Amino acid sequence: MKVLVVGGGGREHALVWKLAQSPLISRMWCAPGNAGIATERLAANDSPVELVPIGAKDLPALLDFAREKRVDFTIVAPDDPLALGIVDLFEANGLKTWGPNQKAARFESSKAFSQDFMDRYGIPTAKSGTFSDPAEAKQFAATLDGCCAVKADGLALGKGVLLTGNVADAEKAIDEIMVDQSFGTAGSQVVIQELLEGMEVSLHALCDGKTAKLFPTAQDHKRALDDDEGLNTGGMGTYSPAPFLSEKELNEVGLQIIVPWLKGCIEEGIDFKGILYPGLMLTAGGPKVLEFNARFGDPETQVYLPRLKNDLVELLLAGTEGRLGQVDLEWSPQVAVCVVMASGGYPGDYPKGIPISGLETAATLPDTKVFHAGTKLRDGQVVTNGGRVLGVTAWRDDLKAAREAAYAAVEKISFENAHFRRDIAAKALK
């Protein structure tokens, strides 16, 4: 089978790494990929994964490539091409493709649509309002005493959320998103939610349009600095499983959230095939959905896939072909921890092209994998090429050991002004 993976970040490296272990794949490309993805080799024939210099949003060029190479199966990982309708385009041209179509991708591409959907189907979520006028948005924020999450409606690389604790800060956040357009056209409309208090966890469910299979829990760390200080980022580290939901509680959450969501999709003719990724807050009043994403989380993928025992190609094919009901997900009992190493300045402005050292040493450590996110090869040297540069991941029999192993690997790697959080998984250890 010939496979094309679309994307080039840490999530995509983890997907390629896991897919390459399948005996079903004889050739694999990744567009555009990164320096780490280029080092992966296929288990079936030891051939390398080939990088294709096509951006994830260049849908016509991706289609031409897939048709020219007669790709059997395309796996679309990032949110942007999904929102642009890559799955619809490929399927219209007879190409088997994994990921939600454009209509289904609206769960992530429009927070307003997602919030309205949750309200329609009784999915527990925060009190909220959707606004196109800054003055009306400020009036609503005032009713929450300014304690709110101000969210750009559209896609903003996982960073389009500003958390505020008083009216002045809420008004400033609304102006930043809607007037100053700090997240571009994604902020022409905002969703304002009451600020929920509790423990945040990530859920994933693999869906085939009629069946949904829940993953174990994970916990992301969104803020840039230790102790959940600093700006929101795309995610500074994660671990799985998170100990804040028992298996029984996880199943109950599935009944409260995934079951009504799936029922709503069927009623509204939304054929969702892919990953639904709800961000969840465990509040005193029960679990509530913060938002929906329509793809694998990043960096959650980097801790889920080392624990997944199934052949990922077989799973994604079952999801595309409506056969998930016949499949059981199998997970290792081990714990995985991922620490993100980021460029100095991220999530603000940061330099690129800084040489990275120590990758070879870290690669020799047992049950450890350095997933590349923002990297590229320049004159034979791996250099930085993004805000989140590496996802250093280790898996062990318990959380303490996995955490120590991940940080031990981080210490082997260096690049100028690298920064990372030193408290990944600390909440679970408490």
Protein backbone atom coordinates (compact mmCIF):
# COMPACT_ATOMS: atom_id res chain seq x y z
CA MET A 1 0.00 0.00 0.00
CA LYS A 2 1.25 3.50 -0.90
CA VAL A 3 0.43 6.12 1.74
CA LEU A 4 0.61 9.94 1.78
CA VAL A 5 0.59 11.82 5.10
CA VAL A 6 -0.27 15.53 4.93
CA GLY A 7 1.40 17.82 7.48
CA GLY A 8 4.81 18.57 8.90
CA GLY A 9 4.71 18.97 12.70
CA GLY A 10 5.22 16.88 15.80
CA ARG A 11 1.84 15.18 15.48
CA GLU A 12 2.69 14.19 11.91
CA HIS A 13 6.08 12.79 12.94
CA ALA A 14 4.36 10.63 15.56
CA LEU A 15 1.80 9.43 12.98
CA VAL A 16 4.49 8.63 10.38
CA TRP A 17 6.58 6.80 13.02
CA LYS A 18 3.61 4.63 14.01
CA LEU A 19 2.34 4.10 10.45
CA ALA A 20 5.82 3.05 9.30
CA GLN A 21 5.65 0.08 11.71
CA SER A 22 2.78 -1.44 9.70
CA PRO A 23 3.63 -4.33 7.35
CA LEU A 24 0.88 -3.03 5.03
CA ILE A 25 2.85 0.00 3.80
CA SER A 26 5.32 -0.42 0.93
CA ARG A 27 5.93 3.29 0.24
CA MET A 28 5.20 6.46 2.19
CA TRP A 29 5.42 10.17 1.49
CA CYS A 30 4.90 13.12 3.85
CA ALA A 31 4.05 16.63 2.61
CA PRO A 32 5.84 18.78 3.64
CA GLY A 33 7.30 16.78 6.56
CA ASN A 34 10.33 17.79 8.64
CA ALA A 35 13.90 16.70 9.39
CA GLY A 36 12.82 14.00 11.83
CA ILE A 37 10.20 12.49 9.52
CA ALA A 38 12.90 12.13 6.85
CA THR A 39 14.81 9.70 9.13
CA GLU A 40 11.92 7.21 9.45
CA ARG A 41 12.03 3.91 7.55
CA LEU A 42 9.29 1.41 6.70
CA ALA A 43 9.19 -1.88 8.62
CA ALA A 44 8.01 -3.73 5.47
CA ASN A 45 11.06 -3.04 3.28
CA ASP A 46 13.36 -0.60 5.12
CA SER A 47 12.75 2.09 2.50
CA PRO A 48 12.83 5.70 3.75
CA VAL A 49 9.80 7.94 4.19
CA GLU A 50 10.08 10.49 1.38
CA LEU A 51 9.46 14.20 1.95
CA VAL A 52 7.41 16.12 -0.62
CA PRO A 53 7.95 19.92 -0.78
CA ILE A 54 4.23 20.77 -0.94
CA GLY A 55 2.54 22.81 1.79
CA ALA A 56 -0.38 21.25 3.67
CA LYS A 57 -2.75 23.97 2.38
CA ASP A 58 -1.76 23.63 -1.31
CA LEU A 59 -4.68 21.36 -2.16
CA PRO A 60 -4.33 21.37 -5.98
CA ALA A 61 -0.64 20.42 -5.81
CA LEU A 62 -1.34 17.68 -3.23
CA LEU A 63 -4.10 16.27 -5.44
CA ASP A 64 -1.82 16.27 -8.52
CA PHE A 65 0.88 14.47 -6.54
CA ALA A 66 -1.49 11.84 -5.13
CA ARG A 67 -2.89 11.11 -8.58
CA GLU A 68 0.53 11.00 -10.23
CA LYS A 69 1.92 8.57 -7.63
CA ARG A 70 -1.33 6.57 -7.48
CA VAL A 71 -1.50 6.92 -3.69
CA ASP A 72 -3.74 4.25 -2.13
CA PHE A 73 -4.51 6.07 1.13
CA THR A 74 -4.04 9.69 2.19
CA ILE A 75 -4.00 10.63 5.89
CA VAL A 76 -4.68 14.30 6.63
CA ALA A 77 -3.45 15.43 10.05
CA PRO A 78 -3.63 19.27 10.39
CA ASP A 79 -6.78 21.37 10.84
CA ASP A 80 -6.22 23.87 8.00
CA PRO A 81 -6.42 21.49 4.99
CA LEU A 82 -9.39 19.72 6.62
CA ALA A 83 -11.22 23.06 6.98
CA LEU A 84 -10.37 23.87 3.34
CA GLY A 85 -12.05 20.64 2.20
CA ILE A 86 -9.12 18.42 1.21
CA VAL A 87 -11.08 15.24 2.03
CA ASP A 88 -14.00 16.30 -0.19
CA LEU A 89 -11.59 17.13 -3.03
CA PHE A 90 -9.64 13.87 -2.81
CA GLU A 91 -12.76 11.70 -2.48
CA ALA A 92 -14.36 13.46 -5.47
CA ASN A 93 -11.30 12.32 -7.42
CA GLY A 94 -11.60 8.72 -6.27
CA LEU A 95 -8.83 8.86 -3.65
CA LYS A 96 -9.34 7.08 -0.31
CA THR A 97 -8.68 9.67 2.40
CA TRP A 98 -8.77 9.66 6.20
CA GLY A 99 -10.03 12.73 8.07
CA PRO A 100 -13.32 14.65 8.46
CA ASN A 101 -14.81 16.30 5.38
CA GLN A 102 -15.29 20.08 5.28
CA LYS A 103 -18.76 19.97 6.86
CA ALA A 104 -17.52 17.78 9.73
CA ALA A 105 -14.34 19.85 10.18
CA ARG A 106 -16.54 22.81 11.21
CA PHE A 107 -16.46 21.45 14.76
CA GLU A 108 -12.97 22.93 14.89
CA SER A 109 -12.96 25.57 12.16
CA SER A 110 -15.89 27.45 13.77
CA LYS A 111 -16.11 27.66 17.55
CA ALA A 112 -19.49 29.38 17.13
CA PHE A 113 -20.90 26.42 15.18
CA SER A 114 -19.45 24.01 17.74
CA GLN A 115 -20.89 25.92 20.71
CA ASP A 116 -24.35 26.13 19.11
CA PHE A 117 -24.25 22.39 18.34
CA MET A 118 -23.43 21.56 21.98
CA ASP A 119 -26.32 23.71 23.18
CA ARG A 120 -28.71 22.04 20.70
CA TYR A 121 -27.87 18.51 21.82
CA GLY A 122 -27.50 19.07 25.57
CA ILE A 123 -23.75 18.46 25.67
CA PRO A 124 -22.42 19.89 28.95
CA THR A 125 -20.40 23.03 28.24
CA ALA A 126 -19.75 26.53 29.57
CA LYS A 127 -22.25 29.39 29.51
CA SER A 128 -21.33 31.33 26.37
CA GLY A 129 -22.24 33.85 23.69
CA THR A 130 -21.12 34.46 20.10
CA PHE A 131 -20.51 38.02 18.87
CA SER A 132 -19.56 39.92 15.72
CA ASP A 133 -19.76 43.32 17.45
CA PRO A 134 -17.07 44.22 20.04
CA ALA A 135 -19.49 46.36 22.10
CA GLU A 136 -21.97 43.50 22.47
CA ALA A 137 -19.13 41.13 23.31
CA LYS A 138 -17.98 43.48 26.08
CA GLN A 139 -21.51 43.72 27.50
CA PHE A 140 -21.70 39.93 27.75
CA ALA A 141 -18.21 39.69 29.28
CA ALA A 142 -19.34 42.17 31.95
CA THR A 143 -22.19 39.81 32.94
CA LEU A 144 -19.45 37.24 33.73
CA ASP A 145 -17.49 39.87 35.74
CA GLY A 146 -14.79 39.55 33.09
CA CYS A 147 -13.95 36.01 34.20
CA CYS A 148 -14.03 34.46 30.76
CA ALA A 149 -12.30 32.74 27.87
CA VAL A 150 -12.31 34.99 24.81
CA LYS A 151 -11.94 32.79 21.70
CA ALA A 152 -11.38 33.68 18.07
CA ASP A 153 -14.08 31.82 16.13
CA GLY A 154 -11.74 30.50 13.42
CA LEU A 155 -8.46 28.59 13.32
CA ALA A 156 -5.46 30.23 15.02
CA LEU A 157 -2.82 27.50 15.42
CA GLY A 158 -4.28 26.51 18.78
CA LYS A 159 -3.46 29.93 20.24
CA GLY A 160 -6.65 31.94 19.60
CA VAL A 161 -7.85 31.90 23.22
CA LEU A 162 -7.27 34.64 25.82
CA LEU A 163 -8.19 33.97 29.47
CA THR A 164 -9.21 36.94 31.60
CA GLY A 165 -10.03 37.53 35.27
CA ASN A 166 -11.65 40.98 35.28
CA VAL A 167 -13.71 43.28 33.06
CA ALA A 168 -10.78 45.48 31.99
CA ASP A 169 -8.73 42.50 30.84
CA ALA A 170 -11.75 41.00 29.07
CA GLU A 171 -12.34 44.24 27.15
CA LYS A 172 -8.65 44.40 26.24
CA ALA A 173 -8.76 40.78 24.98
CA ILE A 174 -11.87 41.47 22.88
CA ASP A 175 -10.18 44.50 21.29
CA GLU A 176 -7.00 42.51 20.68
CA ILE A 177 -8.87 39.77 18.79
CA MET A 178 -11.66 41.73 17.08
CA VAL A 179 -10.23 45.23 16.54
CA ASP A 180 -6.46 44.68 16.34
CA GLN A 181 -7.06 41.30 14.63
CA SER A 182 -4.09 39.68 16.39
CA PHE A 183 -5.27 36.30 15.01
CA GLY A 184 -6.25 37.68 11.61
CA THR A 185 -9.67 36.98 10.11
CA ALA A 186 -10.13 34.11 12.62
CA GLY A 187 -11.13 36.84 15.10
CA SER A 188 -13.83 38.58 13.04
CA GLN A 189 -16.27 36.74 15.34
CA VAL A 190 -15.63 35.70 18.94
CA VAL A 191 -17.06 33.15 21.32
CA ILE A 192 -17.00 34.23 24.96
CA GLN A 193 -17.31 31.50 27.59
CA GLU A 194 -17.54 31.68 31.35
CA LEU A 195 -14.18 30.71 32.82
CA LEU A 196 -14.60 27.17 34.12
CA GLU A 197 -12.57 26.02 37.12
CA GLY A 198 -11.28 22.50 37.61
CA MET A 199 -8.86 20.00 36.11
CA GLU A 200 -8.45 20.07 32.33
CA VAL A 201 -8.02 16.81 30.39
CA SER A 202 -7.91 15.87 26.71
CA LEU A 203 -10.16 13.21 25.22
CA HIS A 204 -9.90 11.60 21.79
CA ALA A 205 -12.47 9.46 20.00
CA LEU A 206 -11.90 7.68 16.70
CA CYS A 207 -15.10 7.92 14.63
CA ASP A 208 -16.43 6.32 11.42
CA GLY A 209 -19.71 8.21 11.05
CA LYS A 210 -21.76 5.84 13.21
CA THR A 211 -19.37 4.42 15.84
CA ALA A 212 -16.97 6.24 18.19
CA LYS A 213 -14.13 4.57 20.13
CA LEU A 214 -12.75 6.51 23.10
CA PHE A 215 -9.00 6.73 23.74
CA PRO A 216 -7.60 6.79 27.29
CA THR A 217 -7.15 10.20 28.92
CA ALA A 218 -4.25 12.60 28.42
CA GLN A 219 -3.45 16.00 29.90
CA ASP A 220 -1.98 18.85 27.88
CA HIS A 221 -0.12 21.89 29.29
CA LYS A 222 -1.24 24.92 27.26
CA ARG A 223 0.46 27.81 29.05
CA ALA A 224 4.02 28.69 28.04
CA LEU A 225 5.54 28.75 31.54
CA ASP A 226 5.64 26.60 34.67
CA ASP A 227 2.67 26.65 37.06
CA ASP A 228 0.34 27.46 34.14
CA GLU A 229 1.71 30.98 33.78
CA GLY A 230 2.31 32.88 30.55
CA LEU A 231 0.51 32.94 27.22
CA ASN A 232 -1.52 30.13 25.67
CA THR A 233 0.46 27.97 23.24
CA GLY A 234 -0.28 25.03 20.98
CA GLY A 235 0.79 22.79 23.91
CA MET A 236 4.04 22.56 25.88
CA GLY A 237 3.84 18.92 26.91
CA THR A 238 1.50 16.12 27.82
CA TYR A 239 1.20 12.67 29.35
CA SER A 240 -1.13 9.68 29.19
CA PRO A 241 -3.01 8.30 30.99
CA ALA A 242 -4.08 11.14 33.28
CA PRO A 243 -5.25 9.86 36.70
CA PHE A 244 -8.19 12.24 37.08
CA LEU A 245 -10.81 9.99 35.46
CA SER A 246 -11.26 6.29 36.28
CA GLU A 247 -12.25 3.94 33.45
CA LYS A 248 -15.83 3.98 34.77
CA GLU A 249 -15.86 7.79 34.83
CA LEU A 250 -14.36 7.90 31.33
CA ASN A 251 -17.20 5.70 30.05
CA GLU A 252 -19.73 7.99 31.77
CA VAL A 253 -18.16 11.00 30.05
CA GLY A 254 -18.56 9.11 26.77
CA LEU A 255 -22.27 8.70 27.48
CA GLN A 256 -22.66 12.39 28.40
CA ILE A 257 -20.63 13.84 25.52
CA ILE A 258 -19.79 11.43 22.70
CA VAL A 259 -23.21 9.72 22.50
CA PRO A 260 -25.28 12.95 22.13
CA TRP A 261 -22.61 14.40 19.81
CA LEU A 262 -22.81 11.35 17.52
CA LYS A 263 -26.63 11.44 17.64
CA GLY A 264 -26.54 15.11 16.63
CA CYS A 265 -24.14 14.39 13.75
CA ILE A 266 -26.44 11.69 12.38
CA GLU A 267 -29.53 13.91 12.73
CA GLU A 268 -27.83 16.81 10.92
CA GLY A 269 -26.25 14.70 8.18
CA ILE A 270 -22.68 15.27 9.37
CA ASP A 271 -20.66 12.22 8.30
CA PHE A 272 -17.77 12.56 10.75
CA LYS A 273 -14.91 10.18 9.93
CA GLY A 274 -11.73 10.98 11.81
CA ILE A 275 -10.73 12.00 15.32
CA LEU A 276 -12.97 14.08 17.57
CA TYR A 277 -10.83 15.71 20.25
CA PRO A 278 -12.84 17.43 22.99
CA GLY A 279 -10.98 19.55 25.51
CA LEU A 280 -12.66 18.83 28.84
CA MET A 281 -12.82 20.62 32.19
CA LEU A 282 -13.63 18.47 35.22
CA THR A 283 -15.66 20.99 37.25
CA ALA A 284 -17.46 20.69 40.58
CA GLY A 285 -20.65 20.45 38.51
CA GLY A 286 -19.32 17.59 36.38
CA PRO A 287 -17.30 17.35 33.14
CA LYS A 288 -17.85 20.17 30.63
CA VAL A 289 -16.55 20.57 27.07
CA LEU A 290 -14.33 23.62 26.52
CA GLU A 291 -14.16 23.12 22.75
CA PHE A 292 -14.07 20.49 20.03
CA ASN A 293 -11.14 19.78 17.71
CA ALA A 294 -11.48 17.65 14.58
CA ARG A 295 -8.04 16.02 14.40
CA PHE A 296 -5.38 14.36 16.55
CA GLY A 297 -4.07 16.63 19.30
CA ASP A 298 -0.52 17.93 19.28
CA PRO A 299 1.31 16.96 21.50
CA GLU A 300 -1.27 14.35 22.66
CA THR A 301 -0.53 12.17 19.60
CA GLN A 302 3.07 11.89 20.78
CA VAL A 303 1.95 10.10 23.98
CA TYR A 304 -1.00 8.16 22.58
CA LEU A 305 0.79 6.38 19.74
CA PRO A 306 3.64 4.87 21.80
CA ARG A 307 0.89 3.28 23.94
CA LEU A 308 -1.29 2.08 21.04
CA LYS A 309 -0.89 -1.63 20.29
CA ASN A 310 -3.08 -1.74 17.15
CA ASP A 311 -1.76 -1.37 13.62
CA LEU A 312 -2.59 2.30 12.98
CA VAL A 313 -3.12 1.78 9.24
CA GLU A 314 -5.76 -0.87 9.92
CA LEU A 315 -7.48 1.41 12.44
CA LEU A 316 -7.64 4.40 10.10
CA LEU A 317 -8.85 2.24 7.22
CA ALA A 318 -11.62 0.87 9.47
CA GLY A 319 -12.55 4.46 10.36
CA THR A 320 -12.69 5.47 6.70
CA GLU A 321 -14.67 2.40 5.62
CA GLY A 322 -17.24 2.45 8.46
CA ARG A 323 -15.91 -0.72 10.15
CA LEU A 324 -14.90 0.61 13.58
CA GLY A 325 -17.64 -1.39 15.28
CA GLN A 326 -15.67 -4.55 14.45
CA VAL A 327 -12.41 -3.27 15.98
CA ASP A 328 -11.18 -3.11 19.58
CA LEU A 329 -8.55 -0.53 20.55
CA GLU A 330 -5.67 -2.06 22.50
CA TRP A 331 -3.45 0.01 24.79
CA SER A 332 -0.22 -0.62 26.68
CA PRO A 333 -0.57 -0.08 30.45
CA GLN A 334 2.64 1.98 30.35
CA VAL A 335 2.67 5.74 30.94
CA ALA A 336 4.04 8.12 28.29
CA VAL A 337 5.30 11.67 28.91
CA CYS A 338 6.15 14.28 26.25
CA VAL A 339 8.10 17.48 26.98
CA VAL A 340 8.05 20.13 24.24
CA MET A 341 11.26 22.07 23.58
CA ALA A 342 10.36 25.43 22.06
CA SER A 343 12.19 28.34 20.44
CA GLY A 344 13.04 31.34 22.60
CA GLY A 345 10.18 33.84 22.31
CA TYR A 346 7.45 31.30 21.46
CA PRO A 347 4.43 31.76 21.34
CA GLY A 348 5.47 35.26 20.25
CA ASP A 349 8.14 36.03 17.66
CA TYR A 350 11.12 33.68 17.51
CA PRO A 351 14.17 33.13 15.28
CA LYS A 352 14.59 30.16 12.93
CA GLY A 353 17.63 28.31 11.59
CA ILE A 354 19.33 27.67 14.95
CA PRO A 355 21.47 24.47 14.98
CA ILE A 356 20.30 21.65 17.29
CA SER A 357 22.81 19.34 18.99
CA GLY A 358 22.45 16.12 20.98
CA LEU A 359 19.73 14.45 18.88
CA GLU A 360 21.89 11.40 18.15
CA THR A 361 22.66 10.89 21.85
CA ALA A 362 18.98 11.20 22.85
CA ALA A 363 18.05 8.70 20.12
CA THR A 364 20.09 5.97 21.84
CA LEU A 365 18.02 6.08 25.04
CA PRO A 366 15.64 3.12 25.53
CA ASP A 367 11.86 3.54 25.12
CA THR A 368 12.41 7.18 24.19
CA LYS A 369 11.55 9.01 20.98
CA VAL A 370 12.32 12.58 19.94
CA PHE A 371 9.49 13.70 17.67
CA HIS A 372 10.43 16.65 15.46
CA ALA A 373 7.94 19.50 15.09
CA GLY A 374 9.61 22.69 13.81
CA THR A 375 12.84 21.41 12.25
CA LYS A 376 14.49 21.22 8.85
CA LEU A 377 17.79 20.01 7.40
CA ARG A 378 20.26 22.70 6.28
CA ASP A 379 23.61 21.59 4.83
CA GLY A 380 23.36 18.29 6.70
CA GLN A 381 22.60 20.00 10.04
CA VAL A 382 19.19 19.85 11.78
CA VAL A 383 18.08 23.41 12.59
CA THR A 384 15.01 24.98 14.18
CA ASN A 385 12.15 25.92 11.85
CA GLY A 386 9.20 26.70 14.13
CA GLY A 387 7.96 27.72 17.57
CA ARG A 388 7.56 24.22 18.98
CA VAL A 389 10.73 22.47 17.87
CA LEU A 390 10.79 18.99 19.46
CA GLY A 391 8.49 16.71 21.47
CA VAL A 392 10.77 14.61 23.66
CA THR A 393 8.80 11.51 24.66
CA ALA A 394 9.50 8.55 26.95
CA TRP A 395 7.34 5.66 28.15
CA ARG A 396 7.84 3.56 31.27
CA ASP A 397 5.87 1.40 33.71
CA ASP A 398 4.92 4.35 35.94
CA LEU A 399 4.53 8.11 35.64
CA LYS A 400 7.50 9.07 37.80
CA ALA A 401 9.90 6.93 35.76
CA ALA A 402 8.47 8.12 32.43
CA ARG A 403 8.74 11.75 33.49
CA GLU A 404 12.33 11.35 34.66
CA ALA A 405 13.25 9.59 31.41
CA ALA A 406 11.70 12.33 29.25
CA TYR A 407 13.56 15.07 31.12
CA ALA A 408 16.80 13.05 31.00
CA ALA A 409 16.47 13.00 27.20
CA VAL A 410 15.71 16.75 27.12
CA GLU A 411 18.98 17.39 28.96
CA LYS A 412 20.91 15.66 26.14
CA ILE A 413 19.56 18.12 23.53
CA SER A 414 20.42 21.79 23.16
CA PHE A 415 19.87 24.78 20.90
CA GLU A 416 20.27 28.49 21.61
CA ASN A 417 17.52 29.95 23.83
CA ALA A 418 15.59 26.67 23.97
CA HIS A 419 12.85 26.76 26.58
CA PHE A 420 10.61 24.08 28.05
CA ARG A 421 8.35 23.62 31.04
CA ARG A 422 9.83 21.72 33.97
CA ASP A 423 6.48 20.74 35.52
CA ILE A 424 4.94 18.45 32.88
CA ALA A 425 2.79 15.85 34.69
CA ALA A 426 3.49 17.44 38.08
CA LYS A 427 -0.25 17.72 38.83
CA ALA A 428 -0.66 13.96 38.50
CA LEU A 429 2.26 13.26 40.85
CA LYS A 430 0.66 15.49 43.49
